Each structure stands twice: as structure tokens, then as C-alpha cells.
Amino acid sequence: MEMTTDEGENRAGKYEKGAPARFLAELRIQRAKDLLQTCSSVKQVAECVGFSDNLYFSKAFKKQTGVSPSEFRQHLKKE
């Protein structure tokens, strides 16, 4: 995922007083959303964004987006 320095600073700024881990998790899930638009398997996407456990990735993805990675992909196909 590419972003300018200003974009990164702006996005990171909203977490200065919070948890930087949330910022990193948000970036990882955003990258996963991009990768789920490809032909890569959910397991491959999980590994690409730094999750070694596919189940943990699915739970983290659903917690942040409200849907599982598979459901997210199905929704994309309907559009």
C-alpha cells in the first residue's frame, strides 16, 4: 500500500494518544482488502499481510470490517 509521507503522518496522528498497534492493524487489513480483490487465496492474503494463522487473520479482519474475508470477497463479486 503506497501513501505519501503526509498521509502517513495524518493517519498515524490520530493514534498518537492511542495504541500504535491499532494503526498497524488498520494498514494490514486495508492491504488485505486490496489483495482479496485478486485471485490469491485467503490463506495467501493472510500470509502476505503478516498473519501466520489463517483463523486469527479471519477473526481480526471480521472484527475490523464486520465481515469475514470470504464474505468480503463474495460482496466484491456481486458488485
PDB file of N, CA and C in Angstrom:
ATOM      1  N   MET A   1       0.849  -1.162   0.000  1.00  0.00           N
ATOM      2  CA  MET A   1       0.000   0.000   0.000  1.00  0.00           C
ATOM      3  C   MET A   1       0.894   1.223   0.000  1.00  0.00           C
ATOM      4  N   GLU A   2       0.697   2.089  -0.937  1.00  0.00           N
ATOM      5  CA  GLU A   2       1.517   3.275  -1.034  1.00  0.00           C
ATOM      6  C   GLU A   2       0.761   4.467  -0.489  1.00  0.00           C
ATOM      7  N   MET A   3       1.503   5.350   0.205  1.00  0.00           N
ATOM      8  CA  MET A   3       0.920   6.596   0.670  1.00  0.00           C
ATOM      9  C   MET A   3       2.037   7.606   0.799  1.00  0.00           C
ATOM     10  N   THR A   4       1.683   8.861   0.709  1.00  0.00           N
ATOM     11  CA  THR A   4       2.683   9.903   0.864  1.00  0.00           C
ATOM     12  C   THR A   4       3.047  10.038   2.333  1.00  0.00           C
ATOM     13  N   THR A   5       4.141  10.738   2.587  1.00  0.00           N
ATOM     14  CA  THR A   5       4.567  10.967   3.968  1.00  0.00           C
ATOM     15  C   THR A   5       3.489  11.707   4.741  1.00  0.00           C
ATOM     16  N   ASP A   6       2.889  12.721   4.111  1.00  0.00           N
ATOM     17  CA  ASP A   6       1.835  13.488   4.782  1.00  0.00           C
ATOM     18  C   ASP A   6       0.643  12.613   5.146  1.00  0.00           C
ATOM     19  N   GLU A   7       0.242  11.735   4.229  1.00  0.00           N
ATOM     20  CA  GLU A   7      -0.881  10.833   4.514  1.00  0.00           C
ATOM     21  C   GLU A   7      -0.550   9.925   5.687  1.00  0.00           C
ATOM     22  N   GLY A   8       0.654   9.392   5.691  1.00  0.00           N
ATOM     23  CA  GLY A   8       1.077   8.519   6.787  1.00  0.00           C
ATOM     24  C   GLY A   8       1.093   9.246   8.110  1.00  0.00           C
ATOM     25  N   GLU A   9       1.596  10.472   8.104  1.00  0.00           N
ATOM     26  CA  GLU A   9       1.627  11.254   9.338  1.00  0.00           C
ATOM     27  C   GLU A   9       0.223  11.596   9.803  1.00  0.00           C
ATOM     28  N   ASN A  10      -0.662  11.942   8.874  1.00  0.00           N
ATOM     29  CA  ASN A  10      -2.044  12.259   9.242  1.00  0.00           C
ATOM     30  C   ASN A  10      -2.753  11.047   9.825  1.00  0.00           C
ATOM     31  N   ARG A  11      -2.578   9.894   9.189  1.00  0.00           N
ATOM     32  CA  ARG A  11      -3.231   8.679   9.684  1.00  0.00           C
ATOM     33  C   ARG A  11      -2.627   8.254  11.014  1.00  0.00           C
ATOM     34  N   ALA A  12      -1.317   8.362  11.151  1.00  0.00           N
ATOM     35  CA  ALA A  12      -0.663   7.979  12.402  1.00  0.00           C
ATOM     36  C   ALA A  12      -1.023   8.948  13.513  1.00  0.00           C
ATOM     37  N   GLY A  13      -1.243  10.221  13.162  1.00  0.00           N
ATOM     38  CA  GLY A  13      -1.540  11.235  14.161  1.00  0.00           C
ATOM     39  C   GLY A  13      -2.782  10.944  14.972  1.00  0.00           C
ATOM     40  N   LYS A  14      -3.764  10.309  14.370  1.00  0.00           N
ATOM     41  CA  LYS A  14      -4.991  10.035  15.115  1.00  0.00           C
ATOM     42  C   LYS A  14      -4.798   8.942  16.159  1.00  0.00           C
ATOM     43  N   TYR A  15      -3.643   8.270  16.146  1.00  0.00           N
ATOM     44  CA  TYR A  15      -3.366   7.221  17.118  1.00  0.00           C
ATOM     45  C   TYR A  15      -2.270   7.605  18.107  1.00  0.00           C
ATOM     46  N   GLU A  16      -1.776   8.847  18.041  1.00  0.00           N
ATOM     47  CA  GLU A  16      -0.670   9.241  18.908  1.00  0.00           C
ATOM     48  C   GLU A  16      -0.964   8.967  20.373  1.00  0.00           C
ATOM     49  N   LYS A  17      -2.167   9.263  20.802  1.00  0.00           N
ATOM     50  CA  LYS A  17      -2.509   9.066  22.212  1.00  0.00           C
ATOM     51  C   LYS A  17      -3.116   7.692  22.450  1.00  0.00           C
ATOM     52  N   GLY A  18      -3.360   6.962  21.393  1.00  0.00           N
ATOM     53  CA  GLY A  18      -3.940   5.628  21.498  1.00  0.00           C
ATOM     54  C   GLY A  18      -2.886   4.570  21.281  1.00  0.00           C
ATOM     55  N   ALA A  19      -3.297   3.501  20.720  1.00  0.00           N
ATOM     56  CA  ALA A  19      -2.396   2.367  20.516  1.00  0.00           C
ATOM     57  C   ALA A  19      -1.870   2.350  19.083  1.00  0.00           C
ATOM     58  N   PRO A  20      -0.554   2.451  18.908  1.00  0.00           N
ATOM     59  CA  PRO A  20       0.010   2.349  17.558  1.00  0.00           C
ATOM     60  C   PRO A  20      -0.312   1.011  16.898  1.00  0.00           C
ATOM     61  N   ALA A  21      -0.536   0.005  17.693  1.00  0.00           N
ATOM     62  CA  ALA A  21      -0.874  -1.312  17.142  1.00  0.00           C
ATOM     63  C   ALA A  21      -2.172  -1.249  16.340  1.00  0.00           C
ATOM     64  N   ARG A  22      -3.109  -0.406  16.754  1.00  0.00           N
ATOM     65  CA  ARG A  22      -4.365  -0.264  16.004  1.00  0.00           C
ATOM     66  C   ARG A  22      -4.105   0.306  14.615  1.00  0.00           C
ATOM     67  N   PHE A  23      -3.184   1.258  14.553  1.00  0.00           N
ATOM     68  CA  PHE A  23      -2.827   1.854  13.266  1.00  0.00           C
ATOM     69  C   PHE A  23      -2.239   0.794  12.339  1.00  0.00           C
ATOM     70  N   LEU A  24      -1.331  -0.010  12.855  1.00  0.00           N
ATOM     71  CA  LEU A  24      -0.719  -1.068  12.048  1.00  0.00           C
ATOM     72  C   LEU A  24      -1.750  -2.107  11.626  1.00  0.00           C
ATOM     73  N   ALA A  25      -2.648  -2.451  12.535  1.00  0.00           N
ATOM     74  CA  ALA A  25      -3.700  -3.422  12.207  1.00  0.00           C
ATOM     75  C   ALA A  25      -4.591  -2.878  11.095  1.00  0.00           C
ATOM     76  N   GLU A  26      -4.903  -1.595  11.168  1.00  0.00           N
ATOM     77  CA  GLU A  26      -5.732  -0.969  10.137  1.00  0.00           C
ATOM     78  C   GLU A  26      -5.038  -1.032   8.776  1.00  0.00           C
ATOM     79  N   LEU A  27      -3.747  -0.755   8.755  1.00  0.00           N
ATOM     80  CA  LEU A  27      -2.997  -0.823   7.499  1.00  0.00           C
ATOM     81  C   LEU A  27      -2.970  -2.241   6.940  1.00  0.00           C
ATOM     82  N   ARG A  28      -2.768  -3.213   7.819  1.00  0.00           N
ATOM     83  CA  ARG A  28      -2.712  -4.608   7.379  1.00  0.00           C
ATOM     84  C   ARG A  28      -4.054  -5.053   6.796  1.00  0.00           C
ATOM     85  N   ILE A  29      -5.141  -4.682   7.453  1.00  0.00           N
ATOM     86  CA  ILE A  29      -6.466  -5.077   6.966  1.00  0.00           C
ATOM     87  C   ILE A  29      -6.792  -4.345   5.666  1.00  0.00           C
ATOM     88  N   GLN A  30      -6.393  -3.087   5.557  1.00  0.00           N
ATOM     89  CA  GLN A  30      -6.622  -2.358   4.305  1.00  0.00           C
ATOM     90  C   GLN A  30      -5.879  -3.027   3.156  1.00  0.00           C
ATOM     91  N   ARG A  31      -4.649  -3.439   3.404  1.00  0.00           N
ATOM     92  CA  ARG A  31      -3.869  -4.146   2.377  1.00  0.00           C
ATOM     93  C   ARG A  31      -4.540  -5.480   2.041  1.00  0.00           C
ATOM     94  N   ALA A  32      -5.064  -6.153   3.064  1.00  0.00           N
ATOM     95  CA  ALA A  32      -5.764  -7.420   2.835  1.00  0.00           C
ATOM     96  C   ALA A  32      -6.985  -7.207   1.944  1.00  0.00           C
ATOM     97  N   LYS A  33      -7.712  -6.116   2.154  1.00  0.00           N
ATOM     98  CA  LYS A  33      -8.873  -5.818   1.304  1.00  0.00           C
ATOM     99  C   LYS A  33      -8.447  -5.691  -0.154  1.00  0.00           C
ATOM    100  N   ASP A  34      -7.321  -5.022  -0.368  1.00  0.00           N
ATOM    101  CA  ASP A  34      -6.810  -4.879  -1.735  1.00  0.00           C
ATOM    102  C   ASP A  34      -6.465  -6.244  -2.328  1.00  0.00           C
ATOM    103  N   LEU A  35      -5.781  -7.069  -1.541  1.00  0.00           N
ATOM    104  CA  LEU A  35      -5.348  -8.382  -2.024  1.00  0.00           C
ATOM    105  C   LEU A  35      -6.513  -9.341  -2.240  1.00  0.00           C
ATOM    106  N   LEU A  36      -7.585  -9.167  -1.485  1.00  0.00           N
ATOM    107  CA  LEU A  36      -8.750 -10.038  -1.656  1.00  0.00           C
ATOM    108  C   LEU A  36      -9.451  -9.795  -2.996  1.00  0.00           C
ATOM    109  N   GLN A  37      -9.095  -8.724  -3.666  1.00  0.00           N
ATOM    110  CA  GLN A  37      -9.653  -8.445  -4.987  1.00  0.00           C
ATOM    111  C   GLN A  37      -8.896  -9.196  -6.080  1.00  0.00           C
ATOM    112  N   THR A  38      -7.834  -9.904  -5.690  1.00  0.00           N
ATOM    113  CA  THR A  38      -7.048 -10.700  -6.633  1.00  0.00           C
ATOM    114  C   THR A  38      -7.492 -12.155  -6.535  1.00  0.00           C
ATOM    115  N   CYS A  39      -6.804 -13.015  -7.243  1.00  0.00           N
ATOM    116  CA  CYS A  39      -7.117 -14.447  -7.224  1.00  0.00           C
ATOM    117  C   CYS A  39      -6.423 -15.182  -6.083  1.00  0.00           C
ATOM    118  N   SER A  40      -5.673 -14.479  -5.261  1.00  0.00           N
ATOM    119  CA  SER A  40      -4.969 -15.122  -4.147  1.00  0.00           C
ATOM    120  C   SER A  40      -5.966 -15.727  -3.171  1.00  0.00           C
ATOM    121  N   SER A  41      -5.588 -16.849  -2.573  1.00  0.00           N
ATOM    122  CA  SER A  41      -6.453 -17.472  -1.568  1.00  0.00           C
ATOM    123  C   SER A  41      -6.437 -16.627  -0.296  1.00  0.00           C
ATOM    124  N   VAL A  42      -7.423 -16.839   0.553  1.00  0.00           N
ATOM    125  CA  VAL A  42      -7.479 -16.118   1.824  1.00  0.00           C
ATOM    126  C   VAL A  42      -6.222 -16.421   2.638  1.00  0.00           C
ATOM    127  N   LYS A  43      -5.773 -17.661   2.595  1.00  0.00           N
ATOM    128  CA  LYS A  43      -4.555 -18.035   3.321  1.00  0.00           C
ATOM    129  C   LYS A  43      -3.351 -17.260   2.790  1.00  0.00           C
ATOM    130  N   GLN A  44      -3.229 -17.142   1.480  1.00  0.00           N
ATOM    131  CA  GLN A  44      -2.124 -16.389   0.886  1.00  0.00           C
ATOM    132  C   GLN A  44      -2.198 -14.915   1.266  1.00  0.00           C
ATOM    133  N   VAL A  45      -3.397 -14.360   1.268  1.00  0.00           N
ATOM    134  CA  VAL A  45      -3.579 -12.961   1.660  1.00  0.00           C
ATOM    135  C   VAL A  45      -3.147 -12.776   3.109  1.00  0.00           C
ATOM    136  N   ALA A  46      -3.579 -13.683   3.978  1.00  0.00           N
ATOM    137  CA  ALA A  46      -3.207 -13.609   5.392  1.00  0.00           C
ATOM    138  C   ALA A  46      -1.693 -13.582   5.547  1.00  0.00           C
ATOM    139  N   GLU A  47      -1.012 -14.471   4.850  1.00  0.00           N
ATOM    140  CA  GLU A  47       0.446 -14.534   4.933  1.00  0.00           C
ATOM    141  C   GLU A  47       1.090 -13.268   4.381  1.00  0.00           C
ATOM    142  N   CYS A  48       0.553 -12.735   3.306  1.00  0.00           N
ATOM    143  CA  CYS A  48       1.114 -11.524   2.689  1.00  0.00           C
ATOM    144  C   CYS A  48       1.031 -10.305   3.605  1.00  0.00           C
ATOM    145  N   VAL A  49       0.008 -10.261   4.442  1.00  0.00           N
ATOM    146  CA  VAL A  49      -0.136  -9.104   5.335  1.00  0.00           C
ATOM    147  C   VAL A  49       0.388  -9.379   6.738  1.00  0.00           C
ATOM    148  N   GLY A  50       1.070 -10.519   6.905  1.00  0.00           N
ATOM    149  CA  GLY A  50       1.783 -10.764   8.158  1.00  0.00           C
ATOM    150  C   GLY A  50       1.106 -11.643   9.184  1.00  0.00           C
ATOM    151  N   PHE A  51       0.062 -12.358   8.801  1.00  0.00           N
ATOM    152  CA  PHE A  51      -0.604 -13.275   9.723  1.00  0.00           C
ATOM    153  C   PHE A  51      -0.163 -14.701   9.399  1.00  0.00           C
ATOM    154  N   SER A  52       0.404 -15.380  10.376  1.00  0.00           N
ATOM    155  CA  SER A  52       0.813 -16.767  10.144  1.00  0.00           C
ATOM    156  C   SER A  52      -0.336 -17.738  10.403  1.00  0.00           C
ATOM    157  N   ASP A  53      -1.363 -17.277  11.105  1.00  0.00           N
ATOM    158  CA  ASP A  53      -2.517 -18.107  11.451  1.00  0.00           C
ATOM    159  C   ASP A  53      -3.740 -17.592  10.692  1.00  0.00           C
ATOM    160  N   ASN A  54      -4.251 -18.395   9.776  1.00  0.00           N
ATOM    161  CA  ASN A  54      -5.388 -18.010   8.951  1.00  0.00           C
ATOM    162  C   ASN A  54      -6.638 -17.710   9.786  1.00  0.00           C
ATOM    163  N   LEU A  55      -6.876 -18.484  10.827  1.00  0.00           N
ATOM    164  CA  LEU A  55      -8.044 -18.265  11.682  1.00  0.00           C
ATOM    165  C   LEU A  55      -7.945 -16.924  12.410  1.00  0.00           C
ATOM    166  N   TYR A  56      -6.762 -16.618  12.922  1.00  0.00           N
ATOM    167  CA  TYR A  56      -6.557 -15.337  13.612  1.00  0.00           C
ATOM    168  C   TYR A  56      -6.763 -14.178  12.637  1.00  0.00           C
ATOM    169  N   PHE A  57      -6.263 -14.335  11.412  1.00  0.00           N
ATOM    170  CA  PHE A  57      -6.463 -13.309  10.388  1.00  0.00           C
ATOM    171  C   PHE A  57      -7.955 -13.091  10.142  1.00  0.00           C
ATOM    172  N   SER A  58      -8.695 -14.174   9.980  1.00  0.00           N
ATOM    173  CA  SER A  58     -10.133 -14.058   9.715  1.00  0.00           C
ATOM    174  C   SER A  58     -10.857 -13.345  10.845  1.00  0.00           C
ATOM    175  N   LYS A  59     -10.494 -13.664  12.080  1.00  0.00           N
ATOM    176  CA  LYS A  59     -11.119 -13.004  13.235  1.00  0.00           C
ATOM    177  C   LYS A  59     -10.764 -11.522  13.279  1.00  0.00           C
ATOM    178  N   ALA A  60      -9.495 -11.198  13.027  1.00  0.00           N
ATOM    179  CA  ALA A  60      -9.059  -9.798  13.036  1.00  0.00           C
ATOM    180  C   ALA A  60      -9.736  -9.017  11.912  1.00  0.00           C
ATOM    181  N   PHE A  61      -9.846  -9.637  10.747  1.00  0.00           N
ATOM    182  CA  PHE A  61     -10.490  -8.999   9.600  1.00  0.00           C
ATOM    183  C   PHE A  61     -11.957  -8.716   9.917  1.00  0.00           C
ATOM    184  N   LYS A  62     -12.649  -9.715  10.460  1.00  0.00           N
ATOM    185  CA  LYS A  62     -14.072  -9.547  10.772  1.00  0.00           C
ATOM    186  C   LYS A  62     -14.289  -8.511  11.871  1.00  0.00           C
ATOM    187  N   LYS A  63     -13.401  -8.485  12.844  1.00  0.00           N
ATOM    188  CA  LYS A  63     -13.524  -7.507  13.932  1.00  0.00           C
ATOM    189  C   LYS A  63     -13.450  -6.084  13.381  1.00  0.00           C
ATOM    190  N   GLN A  64     -12.591  -5.870  12.404  1.00  0.00           N
ATOM    191  CA  GLN A  64     -12.405  -4.525  11.868  1.00  0.00           C
ATOM    192  C   GLN A  64     -13.419  -4.164  10.791  1.00  0.00           C
ATOM    193  N   THR A  65     -13.863  -5.142  10.003  1.00  0.00           N
ATOM    194  CA  THR A  65     -14.736  -4.832   8.865  1.00  0.00           C
ATOM    195  C   THR A  65     -16.190  -5.240   9.062  1.00  0.00           C
ATOM    196  N   GLY A  66     -16.429  -6.153   9.985  1.00  0.00           N
ATOM    197  CA  GLY A  66     -17.789  -6.633  10.206  1.00  0.00           C
ATOM    198  C   GLY A  66     -18.157  -7.855   9.380  1.00  0.00           C
ATOM    199  N   VAL A  67     -17.262  -8.254   8.472  1.00  0.00           N
ATOM    200  CA  VAL A  67     -17.490  -9.446   7.650  1.00  0.00           C
ATOM    201  C   VAL A  67     -16.197 -10.248   7.567  1.00  0.00           C
ATOM    202  N   SER A  68     -16.328 -11.533   7.288  1.00  0.00           N
ATOM    203  CA  SER A  68     -15.144 -12.378   7.130  1.00  0.00           C
ATOM    204  C   SER A  68     -14.470 -12.059   5.794  1.00  0.00           C
ATOM    205  N   PRO A  69     -13.213 -12.461   5.620  1.00  0.00           N
ATOM    206  CA  PRO A  69     -12.558 -12.245   4.326  1.00  0.00           C
ATOM    207  C   PRO A  69     -13.329 -12.888   3.167  1.00  0.00           C
ATOM    208  N   SER A  70     -13.868 -14.074   3.383  1.00  0.00           N
ATOM    209  CA  SER A  70     -14.640 -14.748   2.329  1.00  0.00           C
ATOM    210  C   SER A  70     -15.911 -13.978   1.995  1.00  0.00           C
ATOM    211  N   GLU A  71     -16.596 -13.487   3.019  1.00  0.00           N
ATOM    212  CA  GLU A  71     -17.805 -12.690   2.789  1.00  0.00           C
ATOM    213  C   GLU A  71     -17.463 -11.391   2.059  1.00  0.00           C
ATOM    214  N   PHE A  72     -16.347 -10.783   2.433  1.00  0.00           N
ATOM    215  CA  PHE A  72     -15.894  -9.560   1.770  1.00  0.00           C
ATOM    216  C   PHE A  72     -15.676  -9.824   0.283  1.00  0.00           C
ATOM    217  N   ARG A  73     -15.014 -10.920  -0.018  1.00  0.00           N
ATOM    218  CA  ARG A  73     -14.735 -11.284  -1.412  1.00  0.00           C
ATOM    219  C   ARG A  73     -16.045 -11.552  -2.164  1.00  0.00           C
ATOM    220  N   GLN A  74     -16.994 -12.254  -1.544  1.00  0.00           N
ATOM    221  CA  GLN A  74     -18.286 -12.525  -2.186  1.00  0.00           C
ATOM    222  C   GLN A  74     -19.020 -11.227  -2.500  1.00  0.00           C
ATOM    223  N   HIS A  75     -18.949 -10.278  -1.574  1.00  0.00           N
ATOM    224  CA  HIS A  75     -19.594  -8.979  -1.782  1.00  0.00           C
ATOM    225  C   HIS A  75     -18.971  -8.270  -2.989  1.00  0.00           C
ATOM    226  N   LEU A  76     -17.651  -8.376  -3.136  1.00  0.00           N
ATOM    227  CA  LEU A  76     -16.975  -7.759  -4.282  1.00  0.00           C
ATOM    228  C   LEU A  76     -17.444  -8.365  -5.594  1.00  0.00           C
ATOM    229  N   LYS A  77     -17.668  -9.669  -5.596  1.00  0.00           N
ATOM    230  CA  LYS A  77     -18.101 -10.348  -6.823  1.00  0.00           C
ATOM    231  C   LYS A  77     -19.495  -9.905  -7.246  1.00  0.00           C
ATOM    232  N   LYS A  78     -20.334  -9.532  -6.269  1.00  0.00           N
ATOM    233  CA  LYS A  78     -21.700  -9.111  -6.566  1.00  0.00           C
ATOM    234  C   LYS A  78     -21.749  -7.713  -7.167  1.00  0.00           C
ATOM    235  N   GLU A  79     -20.717  -6.917  -6.916  1.00  0.00           N
ATOM    236  CA  GLU A  79     -20.719  -5.530  -7.411  1.00  0.00           C
ATOM    237  C   GLU A  79     -20.413  -5.440  -8.871  1.00  0.00           C
TER     238      GLU A  79
END
